[in-house]
Amino acid sequence: MHVSDILLECARECARLSRQCRDKRVGLALFEVSARLFSAALGQAELATDDSLATPRPALHVVSGAGE
């Protein structure tokens, strides 16, 4: 499981708990944590995408056909 997936799962859970919380201050704090986790998940996903694009790929070697 990627870090961004874990962050996203935690963000969803915090958002769910913030909606269910009866204490307005605690609910708002949970919502703010959720927003920060969503932001971190997005940042991690962007980093992972950038890393995968920057990773050098092995060169393909073309093998000449028989009969040369």
N, C-alpha and C. Protein backbone atom coordinates (compact mmCIF):
# COMPACT_ATOMS: atom_id res chain seq x y z
N MET A 1 0.86 -1.17 0.00
CA MET A 1 0.00 0.00 0.00
C MET A 1 0.90 1.23 0.00
N HIS A 2 0.61 2.18 -0.84
CA HIS A 2 1.39 3.41 -0.95
C HIS A 2 1.05 4.37 0.19
N VAL A 3 1.99 5.24 0.49
CA VAL A 3 1.78 6.24 1.55
C VAL A 3 0.56 7.10 1.23
N SER A 4 0.41 7.48 -0.04
CA SER A 4 -0.73 8.33 -0.40
C SER A 4 -2.06 7.62 -0.14
N ASP A 5 -2.10 6.30 -0.33
CA ASP A 5 -3.32 5.55 -0.06
C ASP A 5 -3.65 5.54 1.44
N ILE A 6 -2.61 5.39 2.25
CA ILE A 6 -2.80 5.40 3.71
C ILE A 6 -3.27 6.77 4.17
N LEU A 7 -2.64 7.82 3.65
CA LEU A 7 -3.05 9.18 4.01
C LEU A 7 -4.50 9.45 3.61
N LEU A 8 -4.87 8.98 2.44
CA LEU A 8 -6.24 9.18 1.96
C LEU A 8 -7.24 8.44 2.84
N GLU A 9 -6.89 7.23 3.23
CA GLU A 9 -7.77 6.46 4.12
C GLU A 9 -7.93 7.16 5.47
N CYS A 10 -6.84 7.68 6.01
CA CYS A 10 -6.91 8.41 7.28
C CYS A 10 -7.73 9.70 7.14
N ALA A 11 -7.57 10.39 6.02
CA ALA A 11 -8.32 11.62 5.78
C ALA A 11 -9.82 11.34 5.73
N ARG A 12 -10.18 10.27 5.05
CA ARG A 12 -11.61 9.91 4.98
C ARG A 12 -12.17 9.60 6.36
N GLU A 13 -11.38 8.86 7.16
CA GLU A 13 -11.85 8.50 8.49
C GLU A 13 -11.99 9.74 9.38
N CYS A 14 -11.04 10.66 9.30
CA CYS A 14 -11.14 11.90 10.07
C CYS A 14 -12.36 12.71 9.63
N ALA A 15 -12.61 12.76 8.33
CA ALA A 15 -13.77 13.50 7.83
C ALA A 15 -15.06 12.86 8.34
N ARG A 16 -15.11 11.54 8.33
CA ARG A 16 -16.30 10.83 8.83
C ARG A 16 -16.49 11.11 10.32
N LEU A 17 -15.42 11.03 11.09
CA LEU A 17 -15.51 11.29 12.53
C LEU A 17 -15.89 12.74 12.81
N SER A 18 -15.40 13.66 12.00
CA SER A 18 -15.75 15.08 12.23
C SER A 18 -17.24 15.32 12.03
N ARG A 19 -17.84 14.60 11.08
CA ARG A 19 -19.29 14.75 10.86
C ARG A 19 -20.11 14.15 12.00
N GLN A 20 -19.58 13.11 12.62
CA GLN A 20 -20.31 12.43 13.70
C GLN A 20 -20.08 13.05 15.07
N CYS A 21 -19.04 13.86 15.19
CA CYS A 21 -18.65 14.41 16.48
C CYS A 21 -19.71 15.41 16.98
N ARG A 22 -20.06 15.28 18.26
CA ARG A 22 -21.05 16.18 18.85
C ARG A 22 -20.42 17.48 19.36
N ASP A 23 -19.13 17.42 19.68
CA ASP A 23 -18.43 18.61 20.15
C ASP A 23 -17.96 19.40 18.93
N LYS A 24 -18.47 20.60 18.79
CA LYS A 24 -18.20 21.41 17.60
C LYS A 24 -16.71 21.70 17.43
N ARG A 25 -16.02 22.01 18.53
CA ARG A 25 -14.59 22.31 18.46
C ARG A 25 -13.78 21.09 18.03
N VAL A 26 -14.09 19.96 18.59
CA VAL A 26 -13.38 18.72 18.23
C VAL A 26 -13.70 18.34 16.78
N GLY A 27 -14.94 18.49 16.39
CA GLY A 27 -15.34 18.19 15.02
C GLY A 27 -14.60 19.06 14.01
N LEU A 28 -14.46 20.32 14.32
CA LEU A 28 -13.73 21.24 13.44
C LEU A 28 -12.25 20.85 13.37
N ALA A 29 -11.68 20.48 14.52
CA ALA A 29 -10.27 20.07 14.55
C ALA A 29 -10.07 18.81 13.71
N LEU A 30 -10.99 17.87 13.80
CA LEU A 30 -10.90 16.66 12.99
C LEU A 30 -11.03 16.98 11.51
N PHE A 31 -11.91 17.92 11.18
CA PHE A 31 -12.07 18.32 9.79
C PHE A 31 -10.79 18.96 9.25
N GLU A 32 -10.15 19.78 10.07
CA GLU A 32 -8.89 20.42 9.66
C GLU A 32 -7.79 19.38 9.45
N VAL A 33 -7.73 18.39 10.33
CA VAL A 33 -6.75 17.31 10.16
C VAL A 33 -7.05 16.54 8.88
N SER A 34 -8.31 16.32 8.62
CA SER A 34 -8.71 15.63 7.39
C SER A 34 -8.23 16.39 6.16
N ALA A 35 -8.41 17.69 6.16
CA ALA A 35 -7.98 18.51 5.02
C ALA A 35 -6.47 18.45 4.85
N ARG A 36 -5.72 18.47 5.95
CA ARG A 36 -4.26 18.38 5.86
C ARG A 36 -3.83 17.01 5.34
N LEU A 37 -4.53 15.97 5.76
CA LEU A 37 -4.21 14.62 5.28
C LEU A 37 -4.51 14.48 3.79
N PHE A 38 -5.62 15.05 3.35
CA PHE A 38 -5.95 15.02 1.91
C PHE A 38 -4.86 15.74 1.11
N SER A 39 -4.41 16.88 1.62
CA SER A 39 -3.36 17.64 0.96
C SER A 39 -2.06 16.83 0.89
N ALA A 40 -1.72 16.19 2.00
CA ALA A 40 -0.51 15.37 2.03
C ALA A 40 -0.63 14.18 1.07
N ALA A 41 -1.81 13.58 0.99
CA ALA A 41 -2.02 12.47 0.07
C ALA A 41 -1.82 12.91 -1.37
N LEU A 42 -2.33 14.07 -1.70
CA LEU A 42 -2.16 14.61 -3.04
C LEU A 42 -0.69 14.87 -3.33
N GLY A 43 0.01 15.46 -2.37
CA GLY A 43 1.44 15.73 -2.54
C GLY A 43 2.23 14.45 -2.74
N GLN A 44 1.93 13.42 -1.96
CA GLN A 44 2.62 12.14 -2.10
C GLN A 44 2.32 11.49 -3.44
N ALA A 45 1.08 11.59 -3.89
CA ALA A 45 0.72 11.02 -5.19
C ALA A 45 1.46 11.74 -6.31
N GLU A 46 1.58 13.07 -6.20
CA GLU A 46 2.32 13.83 -7.22
C GLU A 46 3.80 13.45 -7.21
N LEU A 47 4.37 13.27 -6.03
CA LEU A 47 5.78 12.87 -5.94
C LEU A 47 5.98 11.49 -6.56
N ALA A 48 5.07 10.59 -6.28
CA ALA A 48 5.18 9.24 -6.84
C ALA A 48 5.10 9.27 -8.36
N THR A 49 4.22 10.13 -8.88
CA THR A 49 4.08 10.26 -10.34
C THR A 49 5.35 10.85 -10.93
N ASP A 50 5.88 11.90 -10.29
CA ASP A 50 7.12 12.52 -10.77
C ASP A 50 8.27 11.52 -10.75
N ASP A 51 8.36 10.73 -9.67
CA ASP A 51 9.42 9.73 -9.57
C ASP A 51 9.32 8.68 -10.65
N SER A 52 8.10 8.24 -10.95
CA SER A 52 7.94 7.21 -11.97
C SER A 52 8.26 7.75 -13.35
N LEU A 53 8.03 9.03 -13.58
CA LEU A 53 8.37 9.63 -14.88
C LEU A 53 9.87 9.86 -15.00
N ALA A 54 10.54 10.10 -13.88
CA ALA A 54 11.97 10.40 -13.91
C ALA A 54 12.83 9.14 -13.89
N THR A 55 12.24 8.00 -13.54
CA THR A 55 13.00 6.76 -13.47
C THR A 55 13.41 6.34 -14.87
N PRO A 56 14.72 6.18 -15.08
CA PRO A 56 15.16 5.77 -16.42
C PRO A 56 14.68 4.36 -16.73
N ARG A 57 14.28 4.18 -17.93
CA ARG A 57 13.82 2.86 -18.37
C ARG A 57 14.92 2.23 -19.21
N PRO A 58 15.05 0.93 -19.11
CA PRO A 58 16.09 0.27 -19.90
C PRO A 58 15.84 0.45 -21.39
N ALA A 59 16.92 0.64 -22.12
CA ALA A 59 16.80 0.83 -23.56
C ALA A 59 16.39 -0.49 -24.21
N LEU A 60 15.57 -0.37 -25.21
CA LEU A 60 15.17 -1.56 -25.96
C LEU A 60 16.22 -1.82 -27.03
N HIS A 61 16.65 -3.04 -27.11
CA HIS A 61 17.63 -3.42 -28.12
C HIS A 61 16.90 -4.11 -29.25
N VAL A 62 17.08 -3.61 -30.43
CA VAL A 62 16.44 -4.19 -31.61
C VAL A 62 17.36 -5.27 -32.14
N VAL A 63 16.80 -6.44 -32.25
CA VAL A 63 17.56 -7.57 -32.77
C VAL A 63 17.27 -7.67 -34.26
N SER A 64 18.35 -7.70 -35.05
CA SER A 64 18.15 -7.78 -36.49
C SER A 64 17.61 -9.15 -36.87
N GLY A 65 16.88 -9.18 -37.95
CA GLY A 65 16.27 -10.42 -38.39
C GLY A 65 17.29 -11.40 -38.92
N ALA A 66 16.91 -12.65 -39.03
CA ALA A 66 17.80 -13.70 -39.53
C ALA A 66 18.09 -13.46 -41.00
N GLY A 67 19.23 -13.95 -41.44
CA GLY A 67 19.58 -13.81 -42.85
C GLY A 67 20.49 -12.67 -43.13
N GLU A 68 20.96 -11.98 -42.13
CA GLU A 68 21.87 -10.87 -42.40
C GLU A 68 23.28 -11.35 -42.48
